PDB file of all heavy atoms in Angstrom:
ATOM      1  N   SER A   1     114.459  96.063  97.165  1.00  0.00           N
ATOM      2  CA  SER A   1     114.208  96.814  95.928  1.00  0.00           C
ATOM      3  C   SER A   1     113.340  95.995  94.977  1.00  0.00           C
ATOM      4  O   SER A   1     112.446  96.520  94.313  1.00  0.00           O
ATOM      5  CB  SER A   1     115.535  97.156  95.226  1.00  0.00           C
ATOM      6  OG  SER A   1     116.292  98.037  95.999  1.00  0.00           O
ATOM      7  N   ILE A   2     113.620  94.675  94.924  1.00  0.00           N
ATOM      8  CA  ILE A   2     112.839  93.786  94.069  1.00  0.00           C
ATOM      9  C   ILE A   2     111.396  93.686  94.583  1.00  0.00           C
ATOM     10  O   ILE A   2     110.446  93.710  93.803  1.00  0.00           O
ATOM     11  CB  ILE A   2     113.500  92.392  94.003  1.00  0.00           C
ATOM     12  CG1 ILE A   2     114.840  92.484  93.249  1.00  0.00           C
ATOM     13  CG2 ILE A   2     112.588  91.378  93.311  1.00  0.00           C
ATOM     14  CD1 ILE A   2     115.734  91.271  93.413  1.00  0.00           C
ATOM     15  N   LEU A   3     111.229  93.601  95.909  1.00  0.00           N
ATOM     16  CA  LEU A   3     109.891  93.560  96.491  1.00  0.00           C
ATOM     17  C   LEU A   3     109.118  94.833  96.163  1.00  0.00           C
ATOM     18  O   LEU A   3     107.929  94.782  95.823  1.00  0.00           O
ATOM     19  CB  LEU A   3     109.977  93.393  98.015  1.00  0.00           C
ATOM     20  CG  LEU A   3     110.453  92.041  98.548  1.00  0.00           C
ATOM     21  CD1 LEU A   3     110.497  92.072 100.075  1.00  0.00           C
ATOM     22  CD2 LEU A   3     109.565  90.902  98.086  1.00  0.00           C
ATOM     23  N   GLU A   4     109.818  95.968  96.244  1.00  0.00           N
ATOM     24  CA  GLU A   4     109.167  97.248  95.944  1.00  0.00           C
ATOM     25  C   GLU A   4     108.690  97.288  94.493  1.00  0.00           C
ATOM     26  O   GLU A   4     107.562  97.682  94.192  1.00  0.00           O
ATOM     27  CB  GLU A   4     110.132  98.406  96.217  1.00  0.00           C
ATOM     28  CG  GLU A   4     109.504  99.773  96.014  1.00  0.00           C
ATOM     29  CD  GLU A   4     110.449 100.917  96.345  1.00  0.00           C
ATOM     30  OE1 GLU A   4     111.678 100.673  96.456  1.00  0.00           O
ATOM     31  OE2 GLU A   4     109.979 102.051  96.480  1.00  0.00           O
ATOM     32  N   ALA A   5     109.568  96.857  93.586  1.00  0.00           N
ATOM     33  CA  ALA A   5     109.214  96.857  92.160  1.00  0.00           C
ATOM     34  C   ALA A   5     108.065  95.892  91.866  1.00  0.00           C
ATOM     35  O   ALA A   5     107.306  96.098  90.923  1.00  0.00           O
ATOM     36  CB  ALA A   5     110.435  96.493  91.324  1.00  0.00           C
ATOM     37  N   SER A   6     107.935  94.852  92.688  1.00  0.00           N
ATOM     38  CA  SER A   6     106.888  93.850  92.481  1.00  0.00           C
ATOM     39  C   SER A   6     105.593  94.190  93.214  1.00  0.00           C
ATOM     40  O   SER A   6     104.625  93.428  93.136  1.00  0.00           O
ATOM     41  CB  SER A   6     107.373  92.475  92.955  1.00  0.00           C
ATOM     42  OG  SER A   6     108.591  92.128  92.353  1.00  0.00           O
ATOM     43  N   GLY A   7     105.611  95.289  93.964  1.00  0.00           N
ATOM     44  CA  GLY A   7     104.422  95.662  94.734  1.00  0.00           C
ATOM     45  C   GLY A   7     104.223  94.810  95.960  1.00  0.00           C
ATOM     46  O   GLY A   7     103.107  94.655  96.461  1.00  0.00           O
ATOM     47  N   LEU A   8     105.309  94.228  96.490  1.00  0.00           N
ATOM     48  CA  LEU A   8     105.222  93.350  97.654  1.00  0.00           C
ATOM     49  C   LEU A   8     105.949  93.900  98.879  1.00  0.00           C
ATOM     50  O   LEU A   8     106.082  93.201  99.894  1.00  0.00           O
ATOM     51  CB  LEU A   8     105.791  91.966  97.310  1.00  0.00           C
ATOM     52  CG  LEU A   8     105.015  91.134  96.278  1.00  0.00           C
ATOM     53  CD1 LEU A   8     105.804  89.888  95.891  1.00  0.00           C
ATOM     54  CD2 LEU A   8     103.650  90.738  96.816  1.00  0.00           C
ATOM     55  N   LEU A   9     106.448  95.128  98.801  1.00  0.00           N
ATOM     56  CA  LEU A   9     107.173  95.710  99.938  1.00  0.00           C
ATOM     57  C   LEU A   9     106.180  96.395 100.868  1.00  0.00           C
ATOM     58  O   LEU A   9     105.527  97.372 100.502  1.00  0.00           O
ATOM     59  CB  LEU A   9     108.221  96.716  99.450  1.00  0.00           C
ATOM     60  CG  LEU A   9     109.122  97.299 100.543  1.00  0.00           C
ATOM     61  CD1 LEU A   9     109.995  96.207 101.159  1.00  0.00           C
ATOM     62  CD2 LEU A   9     109.994  98.413  99.988  1.00  0.00           C
ATOM     63  N   ILE A  10     106.065  95.877 102.089  1.00  0.00           N
ATOM     64  CA  ILE A  10     105.162  96.473 103.075  1.00  0.00           C
ATOM     65  C   ILE A  10     105.974  97.231 104.123  1.00  0.00           C
ATOM     66  O   ILE A  10     107.174  96.981 104.298  1.00  0.00           O
ATOM     67  CB  ILE A  10     104.278  95.394 103.741  1.00  0.00           C
ATOM     68  CG1 ILE A  10     105.141  94.325 104.428  1.00  0.00           C
ATOM     69  CG2 ILE A  10     103.349  94.746 102.711  1.00  0.00           C
ATOM     70  CD1 ILE A  10     104.338  93.288 105.202  1.00  0.00           C
ATOM     71  N   SER A  11     105.347  98.138 104.826  1.00  0.00           N
ATOM     72  CA  SER A  11     106.054  99.020 105.777  1.00  0.00           C
ATOM     73  C   SER A  11     106.712  98.230 106.914  1.00  0.00           C
ATOM     74  O   SER A  11     107.717  98.667 107.478  1.00  0.00           O
ATOM     75  CB  SER A  11     105.093 100.058 106.353  1.00  0.00           C
ATOM     76  OG  SER A  11     103.993  99.414 106.992  1.00  0.00           O
ATOM     77  N   ASP A  12     106.171  97.054 107.244  1.00  0.00           N
ATOM     78  CA  ASP A  12     106.759  96.225 108.317  1.00  0.00           C
ATOM     79  C   ASP A  12     108.207  95.837 108.015  1.00  0.00           C
ATOM     80  O   ASP A  12     108.980  95.519 108.924  1.00  0.00           O
ATOM     81  CB  ASP A  12     105.943  94.933 108.490  1.00  0.00           C
ATOM     82  CG  ASP A  12     104.548  95.187 109.028  1.00  0.00           C
ATOM     83  OD1 ASP A  12     104.222  96.362 109.288  1.00  0.00           O
ATOM     84  OD2 ASP A  12     103.774  94.217 109.164  1.00  0.00           O
ATOM     85  N   PHE A  13     108.567  95.834 106.721  1.00  0.00           N
ATOM     86  CA  PHE A  13     109.908  95.391 106.313  1.00  0.00           C
ATOM     87  C   PHE A  13     110.950  96.518 106.328  1.00  0.00           C
ATOM     88  O   PHE A  13     112.118  96.286 106.043  1.00  0.00           O
ATOM     89  CB  PHE A  13     109.865  94.794 104.896  1.00  0.00           C
ATOM     90  CG  PHE A  13     109.048  93.552 104.752  1.00  0.00           C
ATOM     91  CD1 PHE A  13     108.638  93.095 103.505  1.00  0.00           C
ATOM     92  CD2 PHE A  13     108.676  92.795 105.870  1.00  0.00           C
ATOM     93  CE1 PHE A  13     107.887  91.941 103.362  1.00  0.00           C
ATOM     94  CE2 PHE A  13     107.915  91.638 105.739  1.00  0.00           C
ATOM     95  CZ  PHE A  13     107.521  91.204 104.485  1.00  0.00           C
ATOM     96  N   ASP A  14     110.550  97.746 106.661  1.00  0.00           N
ATOM     97  CA  ASP A  14     111.441  98.909 106.540  1.00  0.00           C
ATOM     98  C   ASP A  14     112.756  98.760 107.296  1.00  0.00           C
ATOM     99  O   ASP A  14     113.814  99.127 106.796  1.00  0.00           O
ATOM    100  CB  ASP A  14     110.725 100.178 107.016  1.00  0.00           C
ATOM    101  CG  ASP A  14     109.660 100.641 106.024  1.00  0.00           C
ATOM    102  OD1 ASP A  14     109.614 100.075 104.909  1.00  0.00           O
ATOM    103  OD2 ASP A  14     108.870 101.537 106.372  1.00  0.00           O
ATOM    104  N   ASN A  15     112.716  98.236 108.504  1.00  0.00           N
ATOM    105  CA  ASN A  15     113.917  98.184 109.344  1.00  0.00           C
ATOM    106  C   ASN A  15     114.552  96.795 109.411  1.00  0.00           C
ATOM    107  O   ASN A  15     115.313  96.495 110.330  1.00  0.00           O
ATOM    108  CB  ASN A  15     113.581  98.668 110.765  1.00  0.00           C
ATOM    109  CG  ASN A  15     113.127 100.123 110.762  1.00  0.00           C
ATOM    110  OD1 ASN A  15     113.743 100.964 110.115  1.00  0.00           O
ATOM    111  ND2 ASN A  15     112.047 100.411 111.477  1.00  0.00           N
ATOM    112  N   THR A  16     114.251  95.959 108.440  1.00  0.00           N
ATOM    113  CA  THR A  16     114.834  94.608 108.428  1.00  0.00           C
ATOM    114  C   THR A  16     116.216  94.620 107.764  1.00  0.00           C
ATOM    115  O   THR A  16     116.561  95.544 107.033  1.00  0.00           O
ATOM    116  CB  THR A  16     113.918  93.622 107.674  1.00  0.00           C
ATOM    117  OG1 THR A  16     113.633  94.157 106.378  1.00  0.00           O
ATOM    118  CG2 THR A  16     112.623  93.412 108.436  1.00  0.00           C
ATOM    119  N   GLY A  17     116.993  93.559 108.042  1.00  0.00           N
ATOM    120  CA  GLY A  17     118.351  93.479 107.498  1.00  0.00           C
ATOM    121  C   GLY A  17     118.642  92.150 106.843  1.00  0.00           C
ATOM    122  O   GLY A  17     117.749  91.298 106.692  1.00  0.00           O
ATOM    123  N   ASP A  18     119.915  91.951 106.480  1.00  0.00           N
ATOM    124  CA  ASP A  18     120.344  90.775 105.708  1.00  0.00           C
ATOM    125  C   ASP A  18     119.992  89.441 106.364  1.00  0.00           C
ATOM    126  O   ASP A  18     119.772  88.440 105.687  1.00  0.00           O
ATOM    127  CB  ASP A  18     121.861  90.811 105.483  1.00  0.00           C
ATOM    128  CG  ASP A  18     122.269  91.941 104.555  1.00  0.00           C
ATOM    129  OD1 ASP A  18     121.433  92.816 104.294  1.00  0.00           O
ATOM    130  OD2 ASP A  18     123.423  91.952 104.109  1.00  0.00           O
ATOM    131  N   SER A  19     119.978  89.402 107.709  1.00  0.00           N
ATOM    132  CA  SER A  19     119.755  88.129 108.407  1.00  0.00           C
ATOM    133  C   SER A  19     118.286  87.880 108.730  1.00  0.00           C
ATOM    134  O   SER A  19     117.951  86.915 109.415  1.00  0.00           O
ATOM    135  CB  SER A  19     120.580  88.093 109.699  1.00  0.00           C
ATOM    136  OG  SER A  19     120.202  89.162 110.546  1.00  0.00           O
ATOM    137  N   ASP A  20     117.408  88.762 108.247  1.00  0.00           N
ATOM    138  CA  ASP A  20     115.969  88.582 108.470  1.00  0.00           C
ATOM    139  C   ASP A  20     115.323  87.929 107.254  1.00  0.00           C
ATOM    140  O   ASP A  20     115.602  88.295 106.114  1.00  0.00           O
ATOM    141  CB  ASP A  20     115.286  89.933 108.724  1.00  0.00           C
ATOM    142  CG  ASP A  20     115.803  90.619 109.968  1.00  0.00           C
ATOM    143  OD1 ASP A  20     116.080  89.902 110.952  1.00  0.00           O
ATOM    144  OD2 ASP A  20     115.948  91.854 109.967  1.00  0.00           O
ATOM    145  N   LEU A  21     114.451  86.963 107.523  1.00  0.00           N
ATOM    146  CA  LEU A  21     113.716  86.314 106.446  1.00  0.00           C
ATOM    147  C   LEU A  21     112.373  87.029 106.272  1.00  0.00           C
ATOM    148  O   LEU A  21     111.620  87.189 107.233  1.00  0.00           O
ATOM    149  CB  LEU A  21     113.480  84.844 106.788  1.00  0.00           C
ATOM    150  CG  LEU A  21     112.668  84.020 105.783  1.00  0.00           C
ATOM    151  CD1 LEU A  21     113.399  83.932 104.452  1.00  0.00           C
ATOM    152  CD2 LEU A  21     112.398  82.622 106.328  1.00  0.00           C
ATOM    153  N   LEU A  22     112.102  87.464 105.045  1.00  0.00           N
ATOM    154  CA  LEU A  22     110.874  88.196 104.745  1.00  0.00           C
ATOM    155  C   LEU A  22     109.938  87.312 103.925  1.00  0.00           C
ATOM    156  O   LEU A  22     110.325  86.765 102.897  1.00  0.00           O
ATOM    157  CB  LEU A  22     111.174  89.474 103.956  1.00  0.00           C
ATOM    158  CG  LEU A  22     112.297  90.382 104.483  1.00  0.00           C
ATOM    159  CD1 LEU A  22     112.401  91.633 103.618  1.00  0.00           C
ATOM    160  CD2 LEU A  22     112.071  90.749 105.945  1.00  0.00           C
ATOM    161  N   ILE A  23     108.707  87.186 104.408  1.00  0.00           N
ATOM    162  CA  ILE A  23     107.699  86.412 103.686  1.00  0.00           C
ATOM    163  C   ILE A  23     106.534  87.348 103.383  1.00  0.00           C
ATOM    164  O   ILE A  23     105.976  87.966 104.294  1.00  0.00           O
ATOM    165  CB  ILE A  23     107.192  85.223 104.523  1.00  0.00           C
ATOM    166  CG1 ILE A  23     108.375  84.324 104.923  1.00  0.00           C
ATOM    167  CG2 ILE A  23     106.153  84.408 103.750  1.00  0.00           C
ATOM    168  CD1 ILE A  23     108.038  83.313 105.991  1.00  0.00           C
ATOM    169  N   CYS A  24     106.195  87.494 102.123  1.00  0.00           N
ATOM    170  CA  CYS A  24     105.111  88.385 101.739  1.00  0.00           C
ATOM    171  C   CYS A  24     104.174  87.669 100.762  1.00  0.00           C
ATOM    172  O   CYS A  24     104.638  87.010  99.834  1.00  0.00           O
ATOM    173  CB  CYS A  24     105.663  89.657 101.094  1.00  0.00           C
ATOM    174  SG  CYS A  24     104.412  90.940 100.923  1.00  0.00           S
ATOM    175  N   ILE A  25     102.884  87.799 101.000  1.00  0.00           N
ATOM    176  CA  ILE A  25     101.889  87.130 100.159  1.00  0.00           C
ATOM    177  C   ILE A  25     100.805  88.117  99.728  1.00  0.00           C
ATOM    178  O   ILE A  25     100.249  88.837 100.559  1.00  0.00           O
ATOM    179  CB  ILE A  25     101.236  85.944 100.908  1.00  0.00           C
ATOM    180  CG1 ILE A  25     102.307  84.922 101.316  1.00  0.00           C
ATOM    181  CG2 ILE A  25     100.179  85.267 100.036  1.00  0.00           C
ATOM    182  CD1 ILE A  25     101.814  83.875 102.286  1.00  0.00           C
ATOM    183  N   LYS A  26     100.544  88.156  98.440  1.00  0.00           N
ATOM    184  CA  LYS A  26      99.414  88.927  97.901  1.00  0.00           C
ATOM    185  C   LYS A  26      98.366  87.901  97.463  1.00  0.00           C
ATOM    186  O   LYS A  26      98.654  87.016  96.656  1.00  0.00           O
ATOM    187  CB  LYS A  26      99.851  89.777  96.712  1.00  0.00           C
ATOM    188  CG  LYS A  26      98.721  90.636  96.131  1.00  0.00           C
ATOM    189  CD  LYS A  26      99.140  91.306  94.832  1.00  0.00           C
ATOM    190  CE  LYS A  26     100.059  92.484  95.095  1.00  0.00           C
ATOM    191  NZ  LYS A  26     100.329  93.242  93.832  1.00  0.00           N
ATOM    192  N   ALA A  27      97.172  88.022  98.025  1.00  0.00           N
ATOM    193  CA  ALA A  27      96.128  87.040  97.736  1.00  0.00           C
ATOM    194  C   ALA A  27      94.780  87.722  97.553  1.00  0.00           C
ATOM    195  O   ALA A  27      94.629  88.923  97.778  1.00  0.00           O
ATOM    196  CB  ALA A  27      96.063  86.005  98.849  1.00  0.00           C
ATOM    197  N   GLU A  28      93.805  86.915  97.167  1.00  0.00           N
ATOM    198  CA  GLU A  28      92.471  87.454  96.895  1.00  0.00           C
ATOM    199  C   GLU A  28      91.738  87.854  98.171  1.00  0.00           C
ATOM    200  O   GLU A  28      90.845  88.693  98.137  1.00  0.00           O
ATOM    201  CB  GLU A  28      91.633  86.417  96.128  1.00  0.00           C
ATOM    202  CG  GLU A  28      92.145  86.198  94.709  1.00  0.00           C
ATOM    203  CD  GLU A  28      91.419  85.068  93.999  1.00  0.00           C
ATOM    204  OE1 GLU A  28      90.546  84.422  94.641  1.00  0.00           O
ATOM    205  OE2 GLU A  28      91.726  84.819  92.813  1.00  0.00           O
ATOM    206  N   ASN A  29      92.110  87.217  99.319  1.00  0.00           N
ATOM    207  CA  ASN A  29      91.479  87.602 100.576  1.00  0.00           C
ATOM    208  C   ASN A  29      92.407  87.348 101.758  1.00  0.00           C
ATOM    209  O   ASN A  29      93.422  86.642 101.629  1.00  0.00           O
ATOM    210  CB  ASN A  29      90.146  86.857 100.767  1.00  0.00           C
ATOM    211  CG  ASN A  29      90.333  85.342 100.759  1.00  0.00           C
ATOM    212  OD1 ASN A  29      91.030  84.786 101.594  1.00  0.00           O
ATOM    213  ND2 ASN A  29      89.687  84.677  99.780  1.00  0.00           N
ATOM    214  N   GLU A  30      92.029  87.915 102.900  1.00  0.00           N
ATOM    215  CA  GLU A  30      92.863  87.846 104.109  1.00  0.00           C
ATOM    216  C   GLU A  30      92.967  86.431 104.656  1.00  0.00           C
ATOM    217  O   GLU A  30      93.984  86.060 105.242  1.00  0.00           O
ATOM    218  CB  GLU A  30      92.285  88.787 105.167  1.00  0.00           C
ATOM    219  CG  GLU A  30      93.235  89.063 106.313  1.00  0.00           C
ATOM    220  CD  GLU A  30      92.780  90.234 107.181  1.00  0.00           C
ATOM    221  OE1 GLU A  30      91.644  90.709 106.997  1.00  0.00           O
ATOM    222  OE2 GLU A  30      93.574  90.668 108.037  1.00  0.00           O
ATOM    223  N   GLN A  31      91.972  85.631 104.455  1.00  0.00           N
ATOM    224  CA  GLN A  31      91.983  84.253 104.957  1.00  0.00           C
ATOM    225  C   GLN A  31      93.137  83.451 104.341  1.00  0.00           C
ATOM    226  O   GLN A  31      93.811  82.688 105.019  1.00  0.00           O
ATOM    227  CB  GLN A  31      90.647  83.582 104.640  1.00  0.00           C
ATOM    228  CG  GLN A  31      90.504  82.197 105.262  1.00  0.00           C
ATOM    229  CD  GLN A  31      89.172  81.551 104.910  1.00  0.00           C
ATOM    230  OE1 GLN A  31      88.287  82.188 104.354  1.00  0.00           O
ATOM    231  NE2 GLN A  31      89.019  80.277 105.226  1.00  0.00           N
ATOM    232  N   ILE A  32      93.373  83.679 103.046  1.00  0.00           N
ATOM    233  CA  ILE A  32      94.456  82.958 102.355  1.00  0.00           C
ATOM    234  C   ILE A  32      95.813  83.416 102.868  1.00  0.00           C
ATOM    235  O   ILE A  32      96.682  82.592 103.175  1.00  0.00           O
ATOM    236  CB  ILE A  32      94.358  83.158 100.829  1.00  0.00           C
ATOM    237  CG1 ILE A  32      93.067  82.535 100.285  1.00  0.00           C
ATOM    238  CG2 ILE A  32      95.563  82.538 100.127  1.00  0.00           C
ATOM    239  CD1 ILE A  32      92.774  82.873  98.832  1.00  0.00           C
ATOM    240  N   THR A  33      96.013  84.743 102.983  1.00  0.00           N
ATOM    241  CA  THR A  33      97.318  85.249 103.460  1.00  0.00           C
ATOM    242  C   THR A  33      97.597  84.760 104.875  1.00  0.00           C
ATOM    243  O   THR A  33      98.692  84.290 105.180  1.00  0.00           O
ATOM    244  CB  THR A  33      97.374  86.792 103.421  1.00  0.00           C
ATOM    245  OG1 THR A  33      96.327  87.322 104.223  1.00  0.00           O
ATOM    246  CG2 THR A  33      97.285  87.323 102.015  1.00  0.00           C
ATOM    247  N   ASP A  34      96.602  84.850 105.749  1.00  0.00           N
ATOM    248  CA  ASP A  34      96.808  84.451 107.146  1.00  0.00           C
ATOM    249  C   ASP A  34      97.083  82.958 107.265  1.00  0.00           C
ATOM    250  O   ASP A  34      97.907  82.525 108.083  1.00  0.00           O
ATOM    251  CB  ASP A  34      95.571  84.809 107.980  1.00  0.00           C
ATOM    252  CG  ASP A  34      95.437  86.307 108.191  1.00  0.00           C
ATOM    253  OD1 ASP A  34      96.388  87.034 107.834  1.00  0.00           O
ATOM    254  OD2 ASP A  34      94.376  86.758 108.680  1.00  0.00           O
ATOM    255  N   SER A  35      96.413  82.175 106.431  1.00  0.00           N
ATOM    256  CA  SER A  35      96.608  80.723 106.462  1.00  0.00           C
ATOM    257  C   SER A  35      98.064  80.369 106.181  1.00  0.00           C
ATOM    258  O   SER A  35      98.664  79.556 106.890  1.00  0.00           O
ATOM    259  CB  SER A  35      95.695  80.065 105.430  1.00  0.00           C
ATOM    260  OG  SER A  35      95.995  78.693 105.315  1.00  0.00           O
ATOM    261  N   PHE A  36      98.658  80.983 105.161  1.00  0.00           N
ATOM    262  CA  PHE A  36     100.051  80.694 104.811  1.00  0.00           C
ATOM    263  C   PHE A  36     101.037  81.283 105.825  1.00  0.00           C
ATOM    264  O   PHE A  36     101.996  80.618 106.211  1.00  0.00           O
ATOM    265  CB  PHE A  36     100.368  81.223 103.410  1.00  0.00           C
ATOM    266  CG  PHE A  36     100.008  80.258 102.321  1.00  0.00           C
ATOM    267  CD1 PHE A  36      98.920  80.497 101.498  1.00  0.00           C
ATOM    268  CD2 PHE A  36     100.730  79.092 102.150  1.00  0.00           C
ATOM    269  CE1 PHE A  36      98.578  79.607 100.509  1.00  0.00           C
ATOM    270  CE2 PHE A  36     100.394  78.191 101.155  1.00  0.00           C
ATOM    271  CZ  PHE A  36      99.311  78.444 100.331  1.00  0.00           C
ATOM    272  N   LEU A  37     100.788  82.505 106.247  1.00  0.00           N
ATOM    273  CA  LEU A  37     101.722  83.144 107.188  1.00  0.00           C
ATOM    274  C   LEU A  37     101.751  82.416 108.525  1.00  0.00           C
ATOM    275  O   LEU A  37     102.783  82.351 109.184  1.00  0.00           O
ATOM    276  CB  LEU A  37     101.344  84.612 107.383  1.00  0.00           C
ATOM    277  CG  LEU A  37     101.534  85.505 106.142  1.00  0.00           C
ATOM    278  CD1 LEU A  37     101.009  86.907 106.398  1.00  0.00           C
ATOM    279  CD2 LEU A  37     102.998  85.567 105.715  1.00  0.00           C
ATOM    280  N   ASN A  38     100.627  81.819 108.909  1.00  0.00           N
ATOM    281  CA  ASN A  38     100.572  81.063 110.172  1.00  0.00           C
ATOM    282  C   ASN A  38     101.181  79.669 110.029  1.00  0.00           C
ATOM    283  O   ASN A  38     101.503  79.020 111.025  1.00  0.00           O
ATOM    284  CB  ASN A  38      99.119  80.933 110.655  1.00  0.00           C
ATOM    285  CG  ASN A  38      98.539  82.278 111.071  1.00  0.00           C
ATOM    286  OD1 ASN A  38      99.277  83.166 111.489  1.00  0.00           O
ATOM    287  ND2 ASN A  38      97.220  82.425 110.952  1.00  0.00           N
ATOM    288  N   ASP A  39     101.334  79.229 108.784  1.00  0.00           N
ATOM    289  CA  ASP A  39     101.794  77.851 108.554  1.00  0.00           C
ATOM    290  C   ASP A  39     103.202  77.792 107.935  1.00  0.00           C
ATOM    291  O   ASP A  39     103.607  76.753 107.426  1.00  0.00           O
ATOM    292  CB  ASP A  39     100.800  77.146 107.613  1.00  0.00           C
ATOM    293  CG  ASP A  39     100.947  75.626 107.666  1.00  0.00           C
ATOM    294  OD1 ASP A  39     101.184  75.080 108.762  1.00  0.00           O
ATOM    295  OD2 ASP A  39     100.847  74.986 106.606  1.00  0.00           O
ATOM    296  N   THR A  40     103.927  78.911 107.983  1.00  0.00           N
ATOM    297  CA  THR A  40     105.238  78.964 107.308  1.00  0.00           C
ATOM    298  C   THR A  40     106.226  77.927 107.840  1.00  0.00           C
ATOM    299  O   THR A  40     106.981  77.325 107.076  1.00  0.00           O
ATOM    300  CB  THR A  40     105.869  80.366 107.427  1.00  0.00           C
ATOM    301  OG1 THR A  40     105.788  80.801 108.791  1.00  0.00           O
ATOM    302  CG2 THR A  40     105.189  81.357 106.529  1.00  0.00           C
ATOM    303  N   GLU A  41     106.215  77.686 109.164  1.00  0.00           N
ATOM    304  CA  GLU A  41     107.165  76.726 109.731  1.00  0.00           C
ATOM    305  C   GLU A  41     106.950  75.333 109.141  1.00  0.00           C
ATOM    306  O   GLU A  41     107.913  74.621 108.821  1.00  0.00           O
ATOM    307  CB  GLU A  41     107.020  76.683 111.254  1.00  0.00           C
ATOM    308  CG  GLU A  41     107.643  77.899 111.934  1.00  0.00           C
ATOM    309  CD  GLU A  41     107.589  77.788 113.449  1.00  0.00           C
ATOM    310  OE1 GLU A  41     107.491  76.652 113.959  1.00  0.00           O
ATOM    311  OE2 GLU A  41     107.647  78.844 114.110  1.00  0.00           O
ATOM    312  N   ASN A  42     105.694  74.942 108.986  1.00  0.00           N
ATOM    313  CA  ASN A  42     105.401  73.618 108.416  1.00  0.00           C
ATOM    314  C   ASN A  42     105.784  73.532 106.942  1.00  0.00           C
ATOM    315  O   ASN A  42     106.223  72.480 106.462  1.00  0.00           O
ATOM    316  CB  ASN A  42     103.910  73.300 108.575  1.00  0.00           C
ATOM    317  CG  ASN A  42     103.551  72.956 110.008  1.00  0.00           C
ATOM    318  OD1 ASN A  42     104.384  72.426 110.743  1.00  0.00           O
ATOM    319  ND2 ASN A  42     102.330  73.273 110.411  1.00  0.00           N
TER     320      ASN A  42
END
């Protein structure tokens, strides 16, 4: 609900539950979002 209110809720998250970790990034371009999403483990 908080993600939705913040404009960060994407359709991929629709069927997720309490034990799922959700990472969402809004950035100026796709290169920035992909860089962080690919590097989350580090």
